[in-house]
Amino acid sequence: MSERLFEVTDDTFEARVLEAATPTLVAFVASWCSPCIELRPRLSALASARETTLQVALCDVDLNTAMAHKYGVRGMPTLALFTDAGLDTTRVGALSAAQLETWLDHQLVN
């Protein structure tokens, strides 16, 4: 895992995501989920490419059921973008690198 891509838990979610100074993309994933595994390298690359403007985190839904439940995660991977206003938007599925970039560019300028 990239050092820029980090894991959050039910216990660390508030401090690492909700109180973050920069927008944070949280990927709600599971270890048994093939699309989640496919998405990891793209998230790692994204975390490195946008290290000054965006945090990228993983949250394992099997180990962190409170956060998965709180944010209504039903399909995986679920990508949730958090800004200073809280949960901004979500997308479900293993987006391609281009789809991730386009989605984030659109969300972060609005």
C-alpha atoms as a PDB file:
ATOM      1  CA  MET A   1       0.000   0.000   0.000  1.00  0.00           C
ATOM      2  CA  SER A   2       1.244   3.488  -0.786  1.00  0.00           C
ATOM      3  CA  GLU A   3       2.224   5.479   2.254  1.00  0.00           C
ATOM      4  CA  ARG A   4      -0.176   8.155   0.994  1.00  0.00           C
ATOM      5  CA  LEU A   5      -3.059   5.660   0.976  1.00  0.00           C
ATOM      6  CA  PHE A   6      -4.043   4.941   4.574  1.00  0.00           C
ATOM      7  CA  GLU A   7      -6.599   2.885   6.458  1.00  0.00           C
ATOM      8  CA  VAL A   8      -9.282   4.275   8.744  1.00  0.00           C
ATOM      9  CA  THR A   9     -11.324   2.458  11.365  1.00  0.00           C
ATOM     10  CA  ASP A  10     -14.487   3.150  13.300  1.00  0.00           C
ATOM     11  CA  ASP A  11     -12.235   4.629  16.002  1.00  0.00           C
ATOM     12  CA  THR A  12     -10.060   6.818  13.754  1.00  0.00           C
ATOM     13  CA  PHE A  13     -12.633   7.898  11.159  1.00  0.00           C
ATOM     14  CA  GLU A  14     -13.655  11.153  12.816  1.00  0.00           C
ATOM     15  CA  ALA A  15     -10.128  12.424  13.394  1.00  0.00           C
ATOM     16  CA  ARG A  16      -8.627  11.254  10.092  1.00  0.00           C
ATOM     17  CA  VAL A  17     -11.571  12.026   7.785  1.00  0.00           C
ATOM     18  CA  LEU A  18     -14.178  14.346   9.292  1.00  0.00           C
ATOM     19  CA  GLU A  19     -11.656  16.665  10.951  1.00  0.00           C
ATOM     20  CA  ALA A  20      -9.197  16.637   8.032  1.00  0.00           C
ATOM     21  CA  ALA A  21      -8.001  19.930   6.608  1.00  0.00           C
ATOM     22  CA  THR A  22      -8.224  18.617   3.043  1.00  0.00           C
ATOM     23  CA  PRO A  23     -10.961  16.707   1.222  1.00  0.00           C
ATOM     24  CA  THR A  24     -10.800  12.965   1.819  1.00  0.00           C
ATOM     25  CA  LEU A  25     -11.843  10.170  -0.496  1.00  0.00           C
ATOM     26  CA  VAL A  26     -12.788   7.066   1.492  1.00  0.00           C
ATOM     27  CA  ALA A  27     -13.061   3.749  -0.307  1.00  0.00           C
ATOM     28  CA  PHE A  28     -15.298   1.384   1.635  1.00  0.00           C
ATOM     29  CA  VAL A  29     -13.905  -2.026   0.710  1.00  0.00           C
ATOM     30  CA  ALA A  30     -13.683  -5.669   1.785  1.00  0.00           C
ATOM     31  CA  SER A  31     -10.760  -8.073   1.540  1.00  0.00           C
ATOM     32  CA  TRP A  32     -12.862 -10.626  -0.383  1.00  0.00           C
ATOM     33  CA  CYS A  33     -14.164  -8.099  -2.956  1.00  0.00           C
ATOM     34  CA  SER A  34     -12.459  -8.508  -6.367  1.00  0.00           C
ATOM     35  CA  PRO A  35     -13.400  -5.031  -7.669  1.00  0.00           C
ATOM     36  CA  CYS A  36     -12.028  -3.566  -4.406  1.00  0.00           C
ATOM     37  CA  ILE A  37      -8.719  -5.334  -4.971  1.00  0.00           C
ATOM     38  CA  GLU A  38      -8.625  -4.052  -8.578  1.00  0.00           C
ATOM     39  CA  LEU A  39      -9.240  -0.505  -7.372  1.00  0.00           C
ATOM     40  CA  ARG A  40      -6.381  -0.367  -4.829  1.00  0.00           C
ATOM     41  CA  PRO A  41      -3.545   0.443  -7.290  1.00  0.00           C
ATOM     42  CA  ARG A  42      -5.624   3.242  -8.833  1.00  0.00           C
ATOM     43  CA  LEU A  43      -6.338   4.677  -5.390  1.00  0.00           C
ATOM     44  CA  SER A  44      -2.669   4.463  -4.479  1.00  0.00           C
ATOM     45  CA  ALA A  45      -1.690   6.325  -7.657  1.00  0.00           C
ATOM     46  CA  LEU A  46      -4.389   8.914  -7.010  1.00  0.00           C
ATOM     47  CA  ALA A  47      -3.175   9.428  -3.443  1.00  0.00           C
ATOM     48  CA  SER A  48       0.356  10.078  -4.693  1.00  0.00           C
ATOM     49  CA  ALA A  49      -0.713  12.319  -7.574  1.00  0.00           C
ATOM     50  CA  ARG A  50      -2.973  14.512  -5.432  1.00  0.00           C
ATOM     51  CA  GLU A  51      -1.078  14.338  -2.152  1.00  0.00           C
ATOM     52  CA  THR A  52      -1.334  18.089  -1.489  1.00  0.00           C
ATOM     53  CA  THR A  53      -5.024  18.459  -2.317  1.00  0.00           C
ATOM     54  CA  LEU A  54      -6.706  15.160  -1.388  1.00  0.00           C
ATOM     55  CA  GLN A  55      -6.356  12.392   1.177  1.00  0.00           C
ATOM     56  CA  VAL A  56      -7.270   8.857   0.129  1.00  0.00           C
ATOM     57  CA  ALA A  57      -8.281   6.266   2.712  1.00  0.00           C
ATOM     58  CA  LEU A  58      -9.543   2.695   2.849  1.00  0.00           C
ATOM     59  CA  CYS A  59     -12.191   1.498   5.293  1.00  0.00           C
ATOM     60  CA  ASP A  60     -12.738  -2.261   5.550  1.00  0.00           C
ATOM     61  CA  VAL A  61     -16.491  -2.713   5.967  1.00  0.00           C
ATOM     62  CA  ASP A  62     -16.157  -6.117   7.619  1.00  0.00           C
ATOM     63  CA  LEU A  63     -13.953  -4.701  10.373  1.00  0.00           C
ATOM     64  CA  ASN A  64     -15.631  -1.283  10.652  1.00  0.00           C
ATOM     65  CA  THR A  65     -19.342  -1.923  10.553  1.00  0.00           C
ATOM     66  CA  ALA A  66     -20.323   1.284  12.352  1.00  0.00           C
ATOM     67  CA  MET A  67     -18.944   3.558   9.620  1.00  0.00           C
ATOM     68  CA  ALA A  68     -20.292   1.352   6.838  1.00  0.00           C
ATOM     69  CA  HIS A  69     -23.738   1.459   8.443  1.00  0.00           C
ATOM     70  CA  LYS A  70     -23.599   5.191   9.207  1.00  0.00           C
ATOM     71  CA  TYR A  71     -22.866   6.043   5.570  1.00  0.00           C
ATOM     72  CA  GLY A  72     -25.261   3.493   4.067  1.00  0.00           C
ATOM     73  CA  VAL A  73     -22.678   1.356   2.316  1.00  0.00           C
ATOM     74  CA  ARG A  74     -24.512  -1.412   0.486  1.00  0.00           C
ATOM     75  CA  GLY A  75     -22.283  -2.160  -2.510  1.00  0.00           C
ATOM     76  CA  MET A  76     -18.551  -2.357  -2.803  1.00  0.00           C
ATOM     77  CA  PRO A  77     -16.440  -0.618  -3.431  1.00  0.00           C
ATOM     78  CA  THR A  78     -18.241   2.533  -2.371  1.00  0.00           C
ATOM     79  CA  LEU A  79     -16.272   5.720  -2.856  1.00  0.00           C
ATOM     80  CA  ALA A  80     -17.275   8.541  -0.530  1.00  0.00           C
ATOM     81  CA  LEU A  81     -15.899  12.060  -0.852  1.00  0.00           C
ATOM     82  CA  PHE A  82     -15.785  14.050   2.382  1.00  0.00           C
ATOM     83  CA  THR A  83     -15.151  17.785   2.470  1.00  0.00           C
ATOM     84  CA  ASP A  84     -15.341  20.314   5.287  1.00  0.00           C
ATOM     85  CA  ALA A  85     -19.120  20.126   4.905  1.00  0.00           C
ATOM     86  CA  GLY A  86     -19.134  16.371   5.634  1.00  0.00           C
ATOM     87  CA  LEU A  87     -20.155  13.687   3.163  1.00  0.00           C
ATOM     88  CA  ASP A  88     -20.249  15.385  -0.218  1.00  0.00           C
ATOM     89  CA  THR A  89     -21.030  12.586  -2.685  1.00  0.00           C
ATOM     90  CA  THR A  90     -20.646   8.849  -3.297  1.00  0.00           C
ATOM     91  CA  ARG A  91     -20.052   6.500  -6.211  1.00  0.00           C
ATOM     92  CA  VAL A  92     -20.303   2.724  -6.234  1.00  0.00           C
ATOM     93  CA  GLY A  93     -18.000   0.549  -8.298  1.00  0.00           C
ATOM     94  CA  ALA A  94     -14.387   0.142  -9.288  1.00  0.00           C
ATOM     95  CA  LEU A  95     -13.958   3.259 -11.391  1.00  0.00           C
ATOM     96  CA  SER A  96     -11.168   3.454 -13.933  1.00  0.00           C
ATOM     97  CA  ALA A  97      -8.368   5.955 -13.321  1.00  0.00           C
ATOM     98  CA  ALA A  98      -9.912   8.326 -15.872  1.00  0.00           C
ATOM     99  CA  GLN A  99     -13.369   8.013 -14.303  1.00  0.00           C
ATOM    100  CA  LEU A 100     -11.909   8.720 -10.845  1.00  0.00           C
ATOM    101  CA  GLU A 101     -10.098  11.819 -12.097  1.00  0.00           C
ATOM    102  CA  THR A 102     -13.151  13.157 -13.953  1.00  0.00           C
ATOM    103  CA  TRP A 103     -15.498  12.543 -11.016  1.00  0.00           C
ATOM    104  CA  LEU A 104     -13.148  14.157  -8.497  1.00  0.00           C
ATOM    105  CA  ASP A 105     -12.360  17.121 -10.740  1.00  0.00           C
ATOM    106  CA  HIS A 106     -16.085  17.764 -11.129  1.00  0.00           C
ATOM    107  CA  GLN A 107     -16.836  17.374  -7.416  1.00  0.00           C
ATOM    108  CA  LEU A 108     -13.926  19.391  -6.088  1.00  0.00           C
ATOM    109  CA  VAL A 109     -14.543  22.479  -8.220  1.00  0.00           C
ATOM    110  CA  ASN A 110     -18.214  22.725  -7.217  1.00  0.00           C
END
